[in-house]
Amino acid sequence: MFNIFKKSRAKGELDAIIYRIESNMANNYKDAAQDAFKEFEVKFNEMAADGRLSDKQRINYEVKLSGYKTKLQGFTHKDQKATWT
């Protein structure tokens, strides 16, 4: 029974990070979105390795991780051109 609570708490932690990624992307906070994504990737890998996610959760978050990798590729201020030049 304890394992169920452990897995739902893990899900809550990952969902909170996903919320930050989405919020930062919506507000065009590119660096913050990248930082939250890196945190999500590390936390997901940690939880998957520790067995804190069910198989269904692991697959679901793997899909989200892959989607964010694609979305956030090139989502940065580094290559942004100034509009006034």
N, C-alpha and C. Protein backbone atom coordinates (compact mmCIF):
# COMPACT_ATOMS: atom_id res chain seq x y z
N MET A 1 0.82 -1.19 0.00
CA MET A 1 0.00 0.00 0.00
C MET A 1 0.86 1.26 0.00
N PHE A 2 1.95 1.25 0.74
CA PHE A 2 2.85 2.40 0.80
C PHE A 2 3.39 2.74 -0.58
N ASN A 3 3.64 1.73 -1.39
CA ASN A 3 4.18 1.93 -2.73
C ASN A 3 3.24 2.77 -3.59
N ILE A 4 1.93 2.63 -3.40
CA ILE A 4 0.96 3.41 -4.17
C ILE A 4 1.12 4.89 -3.86
N PHE A 5 1.26 5.24 -2.58
CA PHE A 5 1.43 6.64 -2.20
C PHE A 5 2.74 7.20 -2.71
N LYS A 6 3.75 6.38 -2.69
CA LYS A 6 5.07 6.80 -3.18
C LYS A 6 4.98 7.12 -4.67
N LYS A 7 4.27 6.31 -5.42
CA LYS A 7 4.14 6.53 -6.87
C LYS A 7 3.29 7.75 -7.17
N SER A 8 2.23 8.01 -6.39
CA SER A 8 1.40 9.18 -6.67
C SER A 8 2.14 10.46 -6.28
N ARG A 9 2.97 10.40 -5.25
CA ARG A 9 3.77 11.57 -4.88
C ARG A 9 4.78 11.88 -5.98
N ALA A 10 5.37 10.84 -6.55
CA ALA A 10 6.31 11.02 -7.66
C ALA A 10 5.61 11.67 -8.84
N LYS A 11 4.40 11.22 -9.12
CA LYS A 11 3.62 11.78 -10.21
C LYS A 11 3.35 13.27 -9.96
N GLY A 12 3.03 13.62 -8.72
CA GLY A 12 2.78 15.01 -8.36
C GLY A 12 4.01 15.89 -8.57
N GLU A 13 5.17 15.37 -8.22
CA GLU A 13 6.41 16.13 -8.40
C GLU A 13 6.66 16.39 -9.89
N LEU A 14 6.50 15.36 -10.70
CA LEU A 14 6.74 15.53 -12.13
C LEU A 14 5.69 16.45 -12.76
N ASP A 15 4.44 16.34 -12.32
CA ASP A 15 3.39 17.21 -12.85
C ASP A 15 3.64 18.67 -12.50
N ALA A 16 4.20 18.93 -11.32
CA ALA A 16 4.53 20.30 -10.93
C ALA A 16 5.62 20.88 -11.84
N ILE A 17 6.59 20.07 -12.18
CA ILE A 17 7.65 20.53 -13.08
C ILE A 17 7.08 20.77 -14.48
N ILE A 18 6.22 19.88 -14.93
CA ILE A 18 5.58 20.05 -16.24
C ILE A 18 4.77 21.34 -16.28
N TYR A 19 4.08 21.64 -15.19
CA TYR A 19 3.32 22.88 -15.12
C TYR A 19 4.24 24.08 -15.30
N ARG A 20 5.42 24.05 -14.66
CA ARG A 20 6.38 25.15 -14.81
C ARG A 20 6.89 25.25 -16.25
N ILE A 21 7.15 24.11 -16.88
CA ILE A 21 7.59 24.13 -18.28
C ILE A 21 6.53 24.79 -19.14
N GLU A 22 5.30 24.34 -19.01
CA GLU A 22 4.19 24.88 -19.82
C GLU A 22 3.99 26.37 -19.56
N SER A 23 4.01 26.75 -18.31
CA SER A 23 3.81 28.15 -17.94
C SER A 23 4.92 29.03 -18.52
N ASN A 24 6.15 28.58 -18.39
CA ASN A 24 7.28 29.35 -18.92
C ASN A 24 7.24 29.44 -20.44
N MET A 25 6.84 28.37 -21.10
CA MET A 25 6.74 28.39 -22.55
C MET A 25 5.63 29.36 -22.98
N ALA A 26 4.51 29.34 -22.29
CA ALA A 26 3.39 30.21 -22.63
C ALA A 26 3.75 31.69 -22.46
N ASN A 27 4.61 31.97 -21.49
CA ASN A 27 5.01 33.36 -21.23
C ASN A 27 6.31 33.74 -21.95
N ASN A 28 6.79 32.85 -22.80
CA ASN A 28 8.00 33.07 -23.59
C ASN A 28 9.25 33.26 -22.71
N TYR A 29 9.24 32.61 -21.54
CA TYR A 29 10.42 32.60 -20.67
C TYR A 29 11.28 31.43 -21.09
N LYS A 30 12.05 31.64 -22.12
CA LYS A 30 12.77 30.55 -22.77
C LYS A 30 13.81 29.89 -21.87
N ASP A 31 14.60 30.69 -21.20
CA ASP A 31 15.64 30.13 -20.34
C ASP A 31 15.03 29.36 -19.17
N ALA A 32 13.97 29.91 -18.59
CA ALA A 32 13.30 29.24 -17.47
C ALA A 32 12.67 27.93 -17.94
N ALA A 33 12.10 27.93 -19.13
CA ALA A 33 11.51 26.70 -19.68
C ALA A 33 12.59 25.64 -19.88
N GLN A 34 13.73 26.05 -20.39
CA GLN A 34 14.85 25.11 -20.60
C GLN A 34 15.33 24.54 -19.26
N ASP A 35 15.43 25.40 -18.26
CA ASP A 35 15.88 24.95 -16.93
C ASP A 35 14.89 23.95 -16.34
N ALA A 36 13.60 24.26 -16.45
CA ALA A 36 12.58 23.35 -15.92
C ALA A 36 12.59 22.03 -16.68
N PHE A 37 12.83 22.08 -17.98
CA PHE A 37 12.91 20.84 -18.76
C PHE A 37 14.08 19.98 -18.29
N LYS A 38 15.22 20.59 -18.07
CA LYS A 38 16.38 19.84 -17.59
C LYS A 38 16.08 19.19 -16.23
N GLU A 39 15.40 19.95 -15.37
CA GLU A 39 15.00 19.41 -14.06
C GLU A 39 14.05 18.23 -14.24
N PHE A 40 13.10 18.37 -15.16
CA PHE A 40 12.15 17.29 -15.44
C PHE A 40 12.87 16.04 -15.92
N GLU A 41 13.82 16.22 -16.83
CA GLU A 41 14.56 15.08 -17.38
C GLU A 41 15.34 14.34 -16.29
N VAL A 42 16.03 15.10 -15.45
CA VAL A 42 16.81 14.50 -14.37
C VAL A 42 15.91 13.78 -13.37
N LYS A 43 14.83 14.46 -12.95
CA LYS A 43 13.91 13.89 -11.97
C LYS A 43 13.22 12.65 -12.52
N PHE A 44 12.81 12.70 -13.78
CA PHE A 44 12.16 11.54 -14.40
C PHE A 44 13.11 10.35 -14.42
N ASN A 45 14.34 10.56 -14.88
CA ASN A 45 15.31 9.47 -14.96
C ASN A 45 15.60 8.88 -13.58
N GLU A 46 15.68 9.76 -12.59
CA GLU A 46 15.92 9.34 -11.21
C GLU A 46 14.76 8.46 -10.71
N MET A 47 13.55 8.94 -10.92
CA MET A 47 12.37 8.22 -10.43
C MET A 47 12.15 6.90 -11.19
N ALA A 48 12.41 6.90 -12.47
CA ALA A 48 12.26 5.68 -13.27
C ALA A 48 13.28 4.63 -12.81
N ALA A 49 14.50 5.06 -12.54
CA ALA A 49 15.54 4.14 -12.09
C ALA A 49 15.24 3.58 -10.70
N ASP A 50 14.63 4.40 -9.84
CA ASP A 50 14.31 3.97 -8.48
C ASP A 50 13.03 3.15 -8.39
N GLY A 51 12.30 3.04 -9.50
CA GLY A 51 11.05 2.30 -9.49
C GLY A 51 9.90 3.04 -8.83
N ARG A 52 10.01 4.37 -8.77
CA ARG A 52 8.95 5.16 -8.13
C ARG A 52 7.79 5.45 -9.07
N LEU A 53 7.90 5.01 -10.33
CA LEU A 53 6.83 5.21 -11.30
C LEU A 53 6.31 3.85 -11.75
N SER A 54 5.01 3.77 -11.94
CA SER A 54 4.45 2.54 -12.50
C SER A 54 4.83 2.48 -13.98
N ASP A 55 4.64 1.34 -14.59
CA ASP A 55 4.97 1.21 -16.01
C ASP A 55 4.15 2.20 -16.85
N LYS A 56 2.89 2.34 -16.51
CA LYS A 56 2.02 3.26 -17.24
C LYS A 56 2.49 4.70 -17.09
N GLN A 57 2.85 5.09 -15.88
CA GLN A 57 3.36 6.45 -15.64
C GLN A 57 4.67 6.67 -16.38
N ARG A 58 5.55 5.69 -16.30
CA ARG A 58 6.86 5.81 -16.96
C ARG A 58 6.69 6.04 -18.45
N ILE A 59 5.83 5.27 -19.09
CA ILE A 59 5.59 5.42 -20.52
C ILE A 59 5.00 6.79 -20.83
N ASN A 60 4.03 7.21 -20.01
CA ASN A 60 3.39 8.51 -20.21
C ASN A 60 4.41 9.65 -20.12
N TYR A 61 5.26 9.61 -19.11
CA TYR A 61 6.25 10.67 -18.94
C TYR A 61 7.37 10.58 -19.98
N GLU A 62 7.68 9.39 -20.47
CA GLU A 62 8.65 9.27 -21.56
C GLU A 62 8.14 9.97 -22.80
N VAL A 63 6.86 9.82 -23.09
CA VAL A 63 6.25 10.48 -24.25
C VAL A 63 6.32 12.00 -24.06
N LYS A 64 6.00 12.47 -22.86
CA LYS A 64 6.05 13.91 -22.59
C LYS A 64 7.48 14.43 -22.71
N LEU A 65 8.43 13.68 -22.18
CA LEU A 65 9.83 14.07 -22.26
C LEU A 65 10.27 14.21 -23.71
N SER A 66 9.93 13.24 -24.52
CA SER A 66 10.27 13.28 -25.93
C SER A 66 9.62 14.48 -26.63
N GLY A 67 8.37 14.74 -26.31
CA GLY A 67 7.67 15.88 -26.90
C GLY A 67 8.31 17.20 -26.53
N TYR A 68 8.68 17.35 -25.26
CA TYR A 68 9.34 18.59 -24.84
C TYR A 68 10.71 18.75 -25.47
N LYS A 69 11.43 17.65 -25.66
CA LYS A 69 12.73 17.74 -26.34
C LYS A 69 12.57 18.35 -27.72
N THR A 70 11.54 17.92 -28.43
CA THR A 70 11.27 18.44 -29.77
C THR A 70 10.82 19.89 -29.71
N LYS A 71 9.88 20.19 -28.83
CA LYS A 71 9.34 21.55 -28.72
C LYS A 71 10.40 22.57 -28.30
N LEU A 72 11.27 22.17 -27.40
CA LEU A 72 12.22 23.11 -26.82
C LEU A 72 13.53 23.20 -27.61
N GLN A 73 13.66 22.40 -28.63
CA GLN A 73 14.86 22.48 -29.46
C GLN A 73 14.84 23.83 -30.18
N GLY A 74 15.83 24.64 -29.96
CA GLY A 74 15.89 25.96 -30.57
C GLY A 74 15.05 27.00 -29.85
N PHE A 75 14.40 26.63 -28.74
CA PHE A 75 13.60 27.55 -27.95
C PHE A 75 14.54 28.24 -26.96
N THR A 76 15.24 29.26 -27.46
CA THR A 76 16.25 29.93 -26.66
C THR A 76 16.39 31.38 -27.10
N HIS A 77 16.93 32.19 -26.24
CA HIS A 77 17.17 33.60 -26.57
C HIS A 77 18.51 33.79 -27.28
N LYS A 78 19.35 32.77 -27.28
CA LYS A 78 20.72 32.91 -27.79
C LYS A 78 20.77 33.32 -29.26
N ASP A 79 19.91 32.77 -30.09
CA ASP A 79 19.95 33.06 -31.52
C ASP A 79 18.93 34.11 -31.94
N GLN A 80 18.27 34.72 -30.96
CA GLN A 80 17.23 35.69 -31.26
C GLN A 80 17.85 36.99 -31.77
N LYS A 81 17.33 37.47 -32.87
CA LYS A 81 17.81 38.72 -33.46
C LYS A 81 17.03 39.88 -32.84
N ALA A 82 17.73 40.97 -32.64
CA ALA A 82 17.07 42.17 -32.12
C ALA A 82 16.16 42.74 -33.21
N THR A 83 14.97 43.12 -32.86
CA THR A 83 14.01 43.62 -33.85
C THR A 83 14.30 45.05 -34.28
N TRP A 84 15.12 45.74 -33.52
CA TRP A 84 15.39 47.15 -33.85
C TRP A 84 16.56 47.34 -34.79
N THR A 85 17.23 46.25 -35.18
CA THR A 85 18.36 46.41 -36.11
C THR A 85 18.00 45.99 -37.51
